[in-house]
Amino acid sequence: MIVRSIRHRGLRQLFQNNSSRLLKQDLVERVRGIVTALAMAENMEGFIREAAPRWRVHRLSGERRNEWSVSVSANWRITFEERDGTIAHLNLEDYH
């Protein structure tokens, strides 16, 4: 899928320049795997099908019902909106 916009500076640097210096180092490999899988997937169904079970891919609810969440670690999640096969507002956030 095409990534249209990235909110998190560290994710942007990783995606555009393969630089992980702005990310927590213990998250880098997992974040890299998730972002790569998103970019390689043809659509959301394909991403979900290929996702590792530990990623716990799911749609959020309430005010964020248009967003998806992928678990990186205990507190950290990658969130994004999927629109017509593209990714928008890709973010790395601490849920707690």
Protein backbone atom coordinates (compact mmCIF):
# COMPACT_ATOMS: atom_id res chain seq x y z
CA MET A 1 0.00 0.00 0.00
CA ILE A 2 1.17 3.53 -0.61
CA VAL A 3 2.00 5.52 2.52
CA ARG A 4 0.62 9.02 2.00
CA SER A 5 1.50 10.68 5.31
CA ILE A 6 3.51 9.91 8.44
CA ARG A 7 2.91 11.79 11.70
CA HIS A 8 5.74 10.45 13.86
CA ARG A 9 9.14 11.99 13.05
CA GLY A 10 11.04 8.82 13.88
CA LEU A 11 8.80 6.71 11.64
CA ARG A 12 9.22 9.26 8.86
CA GLN A 13 13.02 9.06 9.16
CA LEU A 14 12.92 5.27 9.18
CA PHE A 15 10.63 5.12 6.15
CA GLN A 16 12.36 7.79 4.06
CA ASN A 17 16.03 7.46 5.06
CA ASN A 18 16.26 4.08 6.82
CA SER A 19 17.42 6.00 9.91
CA SER A 20 16.30 4.67 13.29
CA ARG A 21 18.03 7.26 15.49
CA LEU A 22 14.76 8.94 16.53
CA LEU A 23 13.12 5.66 17.62
CA LYS A 24 13.49 3.72 20.84
CA GLN A 25 16.14 1.20 19.89
CA ASP A 26 14.31 -1.74 21.45
CA LEU A 27 11.38 -1.08 19.07
CA VAL A 28 13.29 -0.59 15.82
CA GLU A 29 13.25 -4.13 14.39
CA ARG A 30 9.58 -4.70 15.14
CA VAL A 31 8.58 -1.27 13.79
CA ARG A 32 10.66 -1.90 10.67
CA GLY A 33 8.90 -5.23 10.11
CA ILE A 34 5.42 -3.77 10.53
CA VAL A 35 6.06 -0.74 8.31
CA THR A 36 7.63 -2.94 5.64
CA ALA A 37 4.66 -5.33 5.71
CA LEU A 38 2.25 -2.37 5.37
CA ALA A 39 4.14 -0.93 2.44
CA MET A 40 4.37 -4.32 0.69
CA ALA A 41 0.70 -5.28 1.17
CA GLU A 42 -1.64 -4.79 -1.77
CA ASN A 43 -4.55 -3.95 0.51
CA MET A 44 -5.68 -4.11 4.14
CA GLU A 45 -7.00 -7.66 3.80
CA GLY A 46 -3.61 -8.81 2.54
CA PHE A 47 -1.84 -7.08 5.42
CA ILE A 48 -4.12 -8.69 8.00
CA ARG A 49 -3.68 -12.10 6.39
CA GLU A 50 0.14 -11.84 6.43
CA ALA A 51 0.46 -10.12 9.83
CA ALA A 52 2.13 -11.98 12.67
CA PRO A 53 -0.42 -12.94 15.37
CA ARG A 54 1.53 -10.97 18.00
CA TRP A 55 0.84 -7.78 16.05
CA ARG A 56 -2.83 -7.94 17.07
CA VAL A 57 -4.08 -5.92 14.09
CA HIS A 58 -7.49 -4.42 14.75
CA ARG A 59 -9.70 -1.46 13.98
CA LEU A 60 -10.13 1.07 16.77
CA SER A 61 -13.52 2.16 18.03
CA GLY A 62 -15.29 5.33 19.14
CA GLU A 63 -13.89 8.59 17.85
CA ARG A 64 -10.97 6.68 16.31
CA ARG A 65 -13.10 4.12 14.47
CA ASN A 66 -11.48 5.02 11.13
CA GLU A 67 -8.04 4.02 12.43
CA TRP A 68 -6.23 0.71 12.65
CA SER A 69 -3.83 -0.36 15.40
CA VAL A 70 -0.87 -2.74 15.26
CA SER A 71 0.87 -3.77 18.48
CA VAL A 72 4.61 -3.11 18.61
CA SER A 73 5.23 -3.83 22.31
CA ALA A 74 3.42 -3.66 25.64
CA ASN A 75 2.54 0.05 25.40
CA TRP A 76 3.54 1.00 21.87
CA ARG A 77 1.26 0.85 18.83
CA ILE A 78 1.47 1.82 15.21
CA THR A 79 -1.79 3.49 14.21
CA PHE A 80 -2.99 4.65 10.82
CA GLU A 81 -5.98 5.26 8.60
CA GLU A 82 -6.50 3.16 5.49
CA ARG A 83 -8.26 4.90 2.61
CA ASP A 84 -8.74 3.27 -0.78
CA GLY A 85 -5.64 1.10 -0.41
CA THR A 86 -3.41 3.88 0.92
CA ILE A 87 -2.06 4.58 4.41
CA ALA A 88 -2.55 8.02 5.99
CA HIS A 89 -1.46 9.47 9.33
CA LEU A 90 0.97 6.64 10.12
CA ASN A 91 1.91 7.11 13.77
CA LEU A 92 3.85 5.45 16.58
CA GLU A 93 2.21 6.11 19.92
CA ASP A 94 2.44 5.09 23.54
CA TYR A 95 -1.05 4.04 24.59
CA HIS A 96 -0.32 4.50 28.29
